[in-house]
Amino acid sequence: MNALCLLLKPENILLGISPSSKKRVFEQAAQALSLIYRLDRKEVFDALIAREKLGSTYLGYGISLPHCRLPNLSQPCALFIRLHGQLEPARAGEEPTHSLFFLLAPEEACSEHLELLAGAAEIFSDESIRTKLSQANTSEKFCEALNKWCAEKYESDKRES
């Protein structure tokens, strides 16, 4: 089962956030992550921005995967934001960003962090689930579509092996 499916719940899916700037979206994400997971907002924001400065986390299809590892974090944390509008591309060749999947992982959990990023890339690279997720008008419907996709993918993978 894609581990990402277990991380995203209705409470960590925000739909319709207005993007005044990339920095402001990251501030809103850090605020939401700090409230949901009881983390230090400034530490989350600073770590996400520092990682973003190393290179683009743009996946494609209008989706970015900002992520970082944090000390003293005991488990991965996630937040999905779908914007009402879009952010202009940071680099040539990128499309405007309309959705962001934020991932925080424990500092020592390198392989788990990479597995979660790969899981996010697998989900968001699938056109059928991207379409269903983009049409979900509530966080509950978003989770329902995601969980259905994950269950079907799991069953399909199980049959193939």
N, C-alpha and C. Protein backbone atom coordinates (compact mmCIF):
# COMPACT_ATOMS: atom_id res chain seq x y z
N MET A 1 0.86 -1.19 0.00
CA MET A 1 0.00 0.00 0.00
C MET A 1 0.89 1.23 0.00
N ASN A 2 0.52 2.20 -0.77
CA ASN A 2 1.26 3.46 -0.84
C ASN A 2 1.16 4.14 0.53
N ALA A 3 2.29 4.35 1.19
CA ALA A 3 2.31 4.93 2.54
C ALA A 3 1.68 6.32 2.59
N LEU A 4 1.70 7.01 1.50
CA LEU A 4 1.11 8.35 1.46
C LEU A 4 -0.39 8.30 1.72
N CYS A 5 -1.03 7.24 1.28
CA CYS A 5 -2.48 7.09 1.48
C CYS A 5 -2.82 7.08 2.97
N LEU A 6 -1.92 6.57 3.78
CA LEU A 6 -2.16 6.52 5.21
C LEU A 6 -1.93 7.87 5.88
N LEU A 7 -1.14 8.73 5.27
CA LEU A 7 -0.81 10.03 5.85
C LEU A 7 -1.88 11.10 5.61
N LEU A 8 -2.51 11.07 4.45
CA LEU A 8 -3.45 12.13 4.12
C LEU A 8 -4.84 11.81 4.66
N LYS A 9 -5.32 12.67 5.51
CA LYS A 9 -6.64 12.59 6.14
C LYS A 9 -7.36 13.91 5.84
N PRO A 10 -8.67 13.95 5.98
CA PRO A 10 -9.38 15.20 5.69
C PRO A 10 -8.83 16.43 6.42
N GLU A 11 -8.33 16.25 7.64
CA GLU A 11 -7.83 17.40 8.41
C GLU A 11 -6.51 17.97 7.88
N ASN A 12 -5.80 17.23 7.03
CA ASN A 12 -4.57 17.80 6.47
C ASN A 12 -4.65 17.96 4.96
N ILE A 13 -5.86 18.26 4.50
CA ILE A 13 -6.10 18.60 3.11
C ILE A 13 -6.82 19.94 3.07
N LEU A 14 -6.20 20.92 2.47
CA LEU A 14 -6.77 22.27 2.38
C LEU A 14 -7.06 22.58 0.92
N LEU A 15 -8.30 22.86 0.62
CA LEU A 15 -8.71 23.14 -0.75
C LEU A 15 -9.15 24.59 -0.86
N GLY A 16 -8.64 25.28 -1.88
CA GLY A 16 -9.08 26.65 -2.14
C GLY A 16 -8.32 27.73 -1.42
N ILE A 17 -7.05 27.50 -1.11
CA ILE A 17 -6.21 28.53 -0.48
C ILE A 17 -5.80 29.54 -1.56
N SER A 18 -5.98 30.82 -1.27
CA SER A 18 -5.60 31.87 -2.23
C SER A 18 -4.11 32.14 -2.15
N PRO A 19 -3.41 32.08 -3.29
CA PRO A 19 -1.96 32.23 -3.30
C PRO A 19 -1.51 33.66 -3.60
N SER A 20 -1.27 34.45 -2.58
CA SER A 20 -0.75 35.79 -2.86
C SER A 20 0.72 35.73 -3.27
N SER A 21 1.44 34.73 -2.75
CA SER A 21 2.84 34.51 -3.12
C SER A 21 3.26 33.12 -2.65
N LYS A 22 4.35 32.62 -3.19
CA LYS A 22 4.86 31.32 -2.78
C LYS A 22 5.23 31.35 -1.30
N LYS A 23 5.87 32.44 -0.86
CA LYS A 23 6.27 32.56 0.53
C LYS A 23 5.04 32.50 1.43
N ARG A 24 3.97 33.16 1.04
CA ARG A 24 2.75 33.18 1.84
C ARG A 24 2.12 31.78 1.91
N VAL A 25 2.14 31.04 0.80
CA VAL A 25 1.61 29.68 0.81
C VAL A 25 2.45 28.81 1.76
N PHE A 26 3.76 28.98 1.74
CA PHE A 26 4.63 28.22 2.65
C PHE A 26 4.36 28.62 4.10
N GLU A 27 4.10 29.89 4.35
CA GLU A 27 3.75 30.33 5.71
C GLU A 27 2.45 29.68 6.17
N GLN A 28 1.45 29.65 5.27
CA GLN A 28 0.17 29.02 5.61
C GLN A 28 0.35 27.52 5.84
N ALA A 29 1.18 26.89 5.04
CA ALA A 29 1.44 25.46 5.21
C ALA A 29 2.13 25.21 6.56
N ALA A 30 3.13 26.01 6.88
CA ALA A 30 3.84 25.84 8.16
C ALA A 30 2.88 26.04 9.33
N GLN A 31 1.99 27.01 9.21
CA GLN A 31 0.99 27.25 10.26
C GLN A 31 0.08 26.04 10.42
N ALA A 32 -0.44 25.52 9.30
CA ALA A 32 -1.34 24.37 9.35
C ALA A 32 -0.62 23.14 9.91
N LEU A 33 0.59 22.88 9.42
CA LEU A 33 1.35 21.73 9.92
C LEU A 33 1.64 21.85 11.41
N SER A 34 1.95 23.07 11.86
CA SER A 34 2.24 23.26 13.29
C SER A 34 1.00 23.02 14.14
N LEU A 35 -0.16 23.41 13.64
CA LEU A 35 -1.39 23.19 14.41
C LEU A 35 -1.81 21.72 14.40
N ILE A 36 -1.74 21.08 13.24
CA ILE A 36 -2.18 19.69 13.11
C ILE A 36 -1.26 18.75 13.90
N TYR A 37 0.04 18.97 13.79
CA TYR A 37 1.01 18.03 14.36
C TYR A 37 1.72 18.56 15.61
N ARG A 38 1.33 19.74 16.07
CA ARG A 38 1.94 20.35 17.27
C ARG A 38 3.46 20.53 17.09
N LEU A 39 3.80 21.23 16.01
CA LEU A 39 5.20 21.51 15.68
C LEU A 39 5.46 22.99 15.82
N ASP A 40 6.72 23.35 15.81
CA ASP A 40 7.11 24.76 15.85
C ASP A 40 6.96 25.35 14.45
N ARG A 41 6.07 26.31 14.29
CA ARG A 41 5.76 26.91 12.99
C ARG A 41 7.00 27.47 12.31
N LYS A 42 7.81 28.20 13.04
CA LYS A 42 9.00 28.83 12.46
C LYS A 42 10.01 27.78 12.01
N GLU A 43 10.19 26.75 12.80
CA GLU A 43 11.12 25.67 12.43
C GLU A 43 10.66 24.98 11.14
N VAL A 44 9.36 24.72 11.03
CA VAL A 44 8.82 24.08 9.83
C VAL A 44 9.00 25.00 8.63
N PHE A 45 8.63 26.26 8.77
CA PHE A 45 8.76 27.21 7.66
C PHE A 45 10.22 27.34 7.22
N ASP A 46 11.12 27.54 8.17
CA ASP A 46 12.54 27.71 7.83
C ASP A 46 13.11 26.49 7.12
N ALA A 47 12.73 25.29 7.59
CA ALA A 47 13.25 24.06 6.98
C ALA A 47 12.70 23.88 5.56
N LEU A 48 11.43 24.17 5.36
CA LEU A 48 10.84 24.04 4.02
C LEU A 48 11.48 25.04 3.04
N ILE A 49 11.65 26.27 3.49
CA ILE A 49 12.26 27.29 2.63
C ILE A 49 13.72 26.95 2.32
N ALA A 50 14.45 26.48 3.33
CA ALA A 50 15.86 26.11 3.11
C ALA A 50 15.96 24.99 2.08
N ARG A 51 15.09 24.00 2.17
CA ARG A 51 15.11 22.91 1.19
C ARG A 51 14.73 23.41 -0.20
N GLU A 52 13.76 24.29 -0.27
CA GLU A 52 13.31 24.82 -1.56
C GLU A 52 14.42 25.61 -2.25
N LYS A 53 15.26 26.26 -1.46
CA LYS A 53 16.37 27.03 -2.03
C LYS A 53 17.43 26.13 -2.67
N LEU A 54 17.47 24.85 -2.26
CA LEU A 54 18.43 23.91 -2.84
C LEU A 54 18.06 23.51 -4.26
N GLY A 55 16.79 23.59 -4.57
CA GLY A 55 16.33 23.22 -5.91
C GLY A 55 14.83 23.07 -5.92
N SER A 56 14.29 23.17 -7.08
CA SER A 56 12.84 23.10 -7.25
C SER A 56 12.29 21.75 -6.80
N THR A 57 11.14 21.79 -6.17
CA THR A 57 10.44 20.57 -5.79
C THR A 57 9.22 20.37 -6.70
N TYR A 58 9.26 21.00 -7.85
CA TYR A 58 8.16 20.88 -8.81
C TYR A 58 8.16 19.49 -9.43
N LEU A 59 7.04 18.79 -9.34
CA LEU A 59 6.91 17.44 -9.90
C LEU A 59 6.50 17.49 -11.36
N GLY A 60 5.60 18.38 -11.69
CA GLY A 60 4.99 18.45 -13.01
C GLY A 60 3.49 18.49 -12.82
N TYR A 61 2.76 18.68 -13.92
CA TYR A 61 1.29 18.67 -13.88
C TYR A 61 0.72 19.76 -12.98
N GLY A 62 1.49 20.81 -12.68
CA GLY A 62 1.03 21.88 -11.80
C GLY A 62 1.14 21.55 -10.32
N ILE A 63 1.93 20.51 -10.00
CA ILE A 63 2.03 20.05 -8.61
C ILE A 63 3.48 20.14 -8.13
N SER A 64 3.65 20.69 -6.93
CA SER A 64 4.96 20.74 -6.29
C SER A 64 4.95 19.88 -5.04
N LEU A 65 6.11 19.35 -4.68
CA LEU A 65 6.26 18.48 -3.51
C LEU A 65 7.28 19.05 -2.52
N PRO A 66 6.99 20.21 -1.92
CA PRO A 66 7.94 20.75 -0.94
C PRO A 66 8.11 19.76 0.21
N HIS A 67 9.35 19.52 0.59
CA HIS A 67 9.62 18.54 1.63
C HIS A 67 10.90 18.87 2.36
N CYS A 68 11.03 18.31 3.56
CA CYS A 68 12.27 18.47 4.33
C CYS A 68 12.27 17.43 5.44
N ARG A 69 13.42 17.30 6.06
CA ARG A 69 13.55 16.44 7.24
C ARG A 69 13.81 17.35 8.43
N LEU A 70 13.22 16.97 9.56
CA LEU A 70 13.34 17.78 10.78
C LEU A 70 13.86 16.93 11.94
N PRO A 71 14.74 17.52 12.76
CA PRO A 71 15.16 16.81 13.97
C PRO A 71 13.98 16.77 14.96
N ASN A 72 14.00 15.82 15.83
CA ASN A 72 12.98 15.68 16.88
C ASN A 72 11.58 15.41 16.36
N LEU A 73 11.47 15.00 15.11
CA LEU A 73 10.18 14.62 14.56
C LEU A 73 10.08 13.10 14.69
N SER A 74 9.00 12.60 15.25
CA SER A 74 8.90 11.16 15.49
C SER A 74 8.23 10.39 14.36
N GLN A 75 7.46 11.10 13.51
CA GLN A 75 6.77 10.43 12.42
C GLN A 75 6.60 11.39 11.25
N PRO A 76 6.40 10.87 10.05
CA PRO A 76 6.18 11.75 8.91
C PRO A 76 4.89 12.56 9.07
N CYS A 77 4.89 13.74 8.51
CA CYS A 77 3.74 14.63 8.56
C CYS A 77 3.47 15.12 7.14
N ALA A 78 2.21 15.28 6.80
CA ALA A 78 1.86 15.67 5.44
C ALA A 78 0.74 16.71 5.43
N LEU A 79 0.73 17.47 4.36
CA LEU A 79 -0.31 18.47 4.13
C LEU A 79 -0.45 18.64 2.63
N PHE A 80 -1.69 18.59 2.15
CA PHE A 80 -1.96 18.85 0.74
C PHE A 80 -2.73 20.15 0.64
N ILE A 81 -2.27 21.04 -0.23
CA ILE A 81 -2.95 22.31 -0.48
C ILE A 81 -3.27 22.41 -1.96
N ARG A 82 -4.54 22.63 -2.26
CA ARG A 82 -4.93 22.95 -3.63
C ARG A 82 -5.29 24.43 -3.63
N LEU A 83 -4.63 25.16 -4.49
CA LEU A 83 -4.80 26.61 -4.54
C LEU A 83 -6.06 27.01 -5.30
N HIS A 84 -6.59 28.13 -4.91
CA HIS A 84 -7.63 28.81 -5.68
C HIS A 84 -6.86 29.83 -6.51
N GLY A 85 -6.46 29.42 -7.69
CA GLY A 85 -5.54 30.21 -8.51
C GLY A 85 -4.26 29.41 -8.67
N GLN A 86 -3.18 30.10 -8.93
CA GLN A 86 -1.91 29.39 -9.14
C GLN A 86 -0.73 30.30 -8.85
N LEU A 87 0.41 29.64 -8.65
CA LEU A 87 1.67 30.35 -8.47
C LEU A 87 2.44 30.29 -9.78
N GLU A 88 3.04 31.38 -10.13
CA GLU A 88 3.84 31.41 -11.36
C GLU A 88 5.05 30.49 -11.20
N PRO A 89 5.49 29.89 -12.29
CA PRO A 89 6.63 28.96 -12.20
C PRO A 89 7.90 29.66 -11.72
N ALA A 90 8.66 28.92 -10.93
CA ALA A 90 9.93 29.44 -10.42
C ALA A 90 11.05 29.32 -11.44
N ARG A 91 10.91 28.35 -12.33
CA ARG A 91 11.96 28.08 -13.30
C ARG A 91 11.37 27.88 -14.69
N ALA A 92 12.18 28.14 -15.68
CA ALA A 92 11.75 27.94 -17.07
C ALA A 92 11.40 26.47 -17.29
N GLY A 93 10.38 26.22 -18.05
CA GLY A 93 9.97 24.87 -18.35
C GLY A 93 8.95 24.29 -17.39
N GLU A 94 8.70 24.97 -16.29
CA GLU A 94 7.70 24.52 -15.33
C GLU A 94 6.37 25.19 -15.64
N GLU A 95 5.29 24.49 -15.33
CA GLU A 95 3.96 25.06 -15.44
C GLU A 95 3.65 25.81 -14.14
N PRO A 96 2.64 26.67 -14.16
CA PRO A 96 2.23 27.28 -12.89
C PRO A 96 1.78 26.19 -11.90
N THR A 97 2.03 26.41 -10.64
CA THR A 97 1.67 25.46 -9.60
C THR A 97 0.27 25.76 -9.09
N HIS A 98 -0.58 24.72 -9.05
CA HIS A 98 -1.93 24.88 -8.50
C HIS A 98 -2.15 24.00 -7.27
N SER A 99 -1.22 23.06 -7.02
CA SER A 99 -1.34 22.17 -5.86
C SER A 99 0.04 21.91 -5.28
N LEU A 100 0.07 21.77 -3.96
CA LEU A 100 1.34 21.49 -3.28
C LEU A 100 1.12 20.39 -2.25
N PHE A 101 2.00 19.42 -2.26
CA PHE A 101 1.99 18.37 -1.26
C PHE A 101 3.22 18.58 -0.39
N PHE A 102 3.01 18.95 0.87
CA PHE A 102 4.10 19.20 1.81
C PHE A 102 4.35 17.93 2.61
N LEU A 103 5.62 17.57 2.72
CA LEU A 103 6.00 16.38 3.47
C LEU A 103 7.15 16.72 4.41
N LEU A 104 6.96 16.37 5.67
CA LEU A 104 8.00 16.49 6.68
C LEU A 104 8.34 15.08 7.15
N ALA A 105 9.61 14.77 7.27
CA ALA A 105 10.03 13.45 7.73
C ALA A 105 11.05 13.60 8.84
N PRO A 106 11.14 12.60 9.72
CA PRO A 106 12.18 12.64 10.75
C PRO A 106 13.56 12.72 10.11
N GLU A 107 14.45 13.43 10.74
CA GLU A 107 15.79 13.66 10.19
C GLU A 107 16.52 12.37 9.85
N GLU A 108 16.36 11.36 10.68
CA GLU A 108 17.09 10.12 10.46
C GLU A 108 16.37 9.14 9.54
N ALA A 109 15.20 9.48 9.06
CA ALA A 109 14.39 8.57 8.25
C ALA A 109 14.58 8.82 6.75
N CYS A 110 15.80 8.70 6.29
CA CYS A 110 16.10 8.98 4.88
C CYS A 110 15.33 8.07 3.93
N SER A 111 15.34 6.77 4.17
CA SER A 111 14.67 5.86 3.24
C SER A 111 13.16 6.03 3.28
N GLU A 112 12.60 6.26 4.46
CA GLU A 112 11.15 6.49 4.57
C GLU A 112 10.76 7.78 3.85
N HIS A 113 11.58 8.80 3.99
CA HIS A 113 11.35 10.08 3.33
C HIS A 113 11.32 9.88 1.82
N LEU A 114 12.31 9.17 1.30
CA LEU A 114 12.37 8.91 -0.15
C LEU A 114 11.21 8.04 -0.61
N GLU A 115 10.81 7.08 0.21
CA GLU A 115 9.67 6.22 -0.13
C GLU A 115 8.38 7.04 -0.22
N LEU A 116 8.20 7.96 0.70
CA LEU A 116 7.01 8.81 0.67
C LEU A 116 7.02 9.75 -0.53
N LEU A 117 8.17 10.29 -0.86
CA LEU A 117 8.26 11.14 -2.05
C LEU A 117 7.97 10.33 -3.32
N ALA A 118 8.49 9.11 -3.37
CA ALA A 118 8.21 8.24 -4.52
C ALA A 118 6.72 7.91 -4.59
N GLY A 119 6.10 7.69 -3.44
CA GLY A 119 4.67 7.43 -3.39
C GLY A 119 3.86 8.62 -3.89
N ALA A 120 4.28 9.81 -3.49
CA ALA A 120 3.60 11.02 -3.96
C ALA A 120 3.77 11.17 -5.46
N ALA A 121 4.97 10.92 -5.96
CA ALA A 121 5.21 11.02 -7.40
C ALA A 121 4.36 9.99 -8.15
N GLU A 122 4.23 8.79 -7.59
CA GLU A 122 3.41 7.76 -8.24
C GLU A 122 1.95 8.21 -8.32
N ILE A 123 1.43 8.71 -7.24
CA ILE A 123 0.02 9.15 -7.21
C ILE A 123 -0.20 10.31 -8.17
N PHE A 124 0.60 11.36 -8.02
CA PHE A 124 0.35 12.59 -8.77
C PHE A 124 0.79 12.49 -10.24
N SER A 125 1.49 11.41 -10.60
CA SER A 125 1.84 11.20 -12.00
C SER A 125 0.76 10.43 -12.75
N ASP A 126 -0.20 9.90 -12.02
CA ASP A 126 -1.30 9.14 -12.62
C ASP A 126 -2.43 10.10 -12.99
N GLU A 127 -2.66 10.24 -14.28
CA GLU A 127 -3.65 11.21 -14.76
C GLU A 127 -5.05 10.95 -14.22
N SER A 128 -5.44 9.69 -14.09
CA SER A 128 -6.80 9.40 -13.64
C SER A 128 -7.03 9.87 -12.20
N ILE A 129 -6.08 9.64 -11.31
CA ILE A 129 -6.28 10.09 -9.92
C ILE A 129 -6.10 11.60 -9.82
N ARG A 130 -5.21 12.18 -10.61
CA ARG A 130 -5.08 13.65 -10.60
C ARG A 130 -6.40 14.29 -10.96
N THR A 131 -7.07 13.74 -11.96
CA THR A 131 -8.36 14.29 -12.39
C THR A 131 -9.39 14.17 -11.27
N LYS A 132 -9.47 12.99 -10.66
CA LYS A 132 -10.43 12.79 -9.57
C LYS A 132 -10.13 13.70 -8.38
N LEU A 133 -8.86 13.85 -8.05
CA LEU A 133 -8.50 14.72 -6.92
C LEU A 133 -8.79 16.18 -7.23
N SER A 134 -8.58 16.57 -8.47
CA SER A 134 -8.85 17.98 -8.83
C SER A 134 -10.34 18.28 -8.83
N GLN A 135 -11.17 17.26 -9.01
CA GLN A 135 -12.63 17.45 -9.02
C GLN A 135 -13.24 17.36 -7.63
N ALA A 136 -12.51 16.84 -6.67
CA ALA A 136 -13.03 16.72 -5.30
C ALA A 136 -13.25 18.11 -4.73
N ASN A 137 -14.47 18.38 -4.27
CA ASN A 137 -14.76 19.72 -3.76
C ASN A 137 -14.76 19.80 -2.23
N THR A 138 -14.48 18.69 -1.57
CA THR A 138 -14.29 18.69 -0.12
C THR A 138 -13.09 17.81 0.22
N SER A 139 -12.53 18.03 1.38
CA SER A 139 -11.38 17.21 1.79
C SER A 139 -11.80 15.75 1.99
N GLU A 140 -13.04 15.53 2.40
CA GLU A 140 -13.54 14.17 2.56
C GLU A 140 -13.60 13.45 1.21
N LYS A 141 -14.11 14.14 0.17
CA LYS A 141 -14.19 13.53 -1.16
C LYS A 141 -12.79 13.31 -1.73
N PHE A 142 -11.87 14.22 -1.43
CA PHE A 142 -10.48 14.07 -1.84
C PHE A 142 -9.92 12.77 -1.25
N CYS A 143 -10.09 12.59 0.06
CA CYS A 143 -9.58 11.38 0.74
C CYS A 143 -10.26 10.13 0.22
N GLU A 144 -11.55 10.21 -0.03
CA GLU A 144 -12.27 9.06 -0.56
C GLU A 144 -11.71 8.63 -1.91
N ALA A 145 -11.47 9.59 -2.80
CA ALA A 145 -10.91 9.27 -4.11
C ALA A 145 -9.49 8.71 -3.98
N LEU A 146 -8.69 9.32 -3.12
CA LEU A 146 -7.32 8.86 -2.91
C LEU A 146 -7.29 7.45 -2.34
N ASN A 147 -8.10 7.20 -1.32
CA ASN A 147 -8.12 5.88 -0.70
C ASN A 147 -8.62 4.80 -1.65
N LYS A 148 -9.59 5.14 -2.49
CA LYS A 148 -10.08 4.19 -3.48
C LYS A 148 -8.97 3.85 -4.47
N TRP A 149 -8.26 4.88 -4.95
CA TRP A 149 -7.15 4.65 -5.88
C TRP A 149 -6.09 3.77 -5.23
N CYS A 150 -5.75 4.08 -3.98
CA CYS A 150 -4.71 3.31 -3.28
C CYS A 150 -5.13 1.85 -3.11
N ALA A 151 -6.38 1.61 -2.75
CA ALA A 151 -6.86 0.24 -2.57
C ALA A 151 -6.83 -0.51 -3.90
N GLU A 152 -7.28 0.13 -4.97
CA GLU A 152 -7.27 -0.51 -6.28
C GLU A 152 -5.84 -0.79 -6.74
N LYS A 153 -4.94 0.15 -6.51
CA LYS A 153 -3.54 -0.02 -6.89
C LYS A 153 -2.91 -1.17 -6.10
N TYR A 154 -3.23 -1.24 -4.82
CA TYR A 154 -2.71 -2.31 -3.96
C TYR A 154 -3.18 -3.67 -4.47
N GLU A 155 -4.46 -3.79 -4.77
CA GLU A 155 -5.01 -5.05 -5.27
C GLU A 155 -4.38 -5.42 -6.62
N SER A 156 -4.21 -4.43 -7.49
CA SER A 156 -3.60 -4.67 -8.79
C SER A 156 -2.15 -5.14 -8.64
N ASP A 157 -1.40 -4.48 -7.78
CA ASP A 157 0.00 -4.86 -7.54
C ASP A 157 0.10 -6.26 -6.94
N LYS A 158 -0.84 -6.59 -6.06
CA LYS A 158 -0.86 -7.91 -5.40
C LYS A 158 -1.12 -9.01 -6.45
N ARG A 159 -2.04 -8.76 -7.37
CA ARG A 159 -2.35 -9.75 -8.40
C ARG A 159 -1.16 -9.97 -9.34
N GLU A 160 -0.41 -8.88 -9.61
CA GLU A 160 0.72 -8.97 -10.53
C GLU A 160 1.92 -9.68 -9.92
N SER A 161 2.01 -9.72 -8.59
CA SER A 161 3.20 -10.33 -7.98
C SER A 161 2.99 -11.77 -7.61
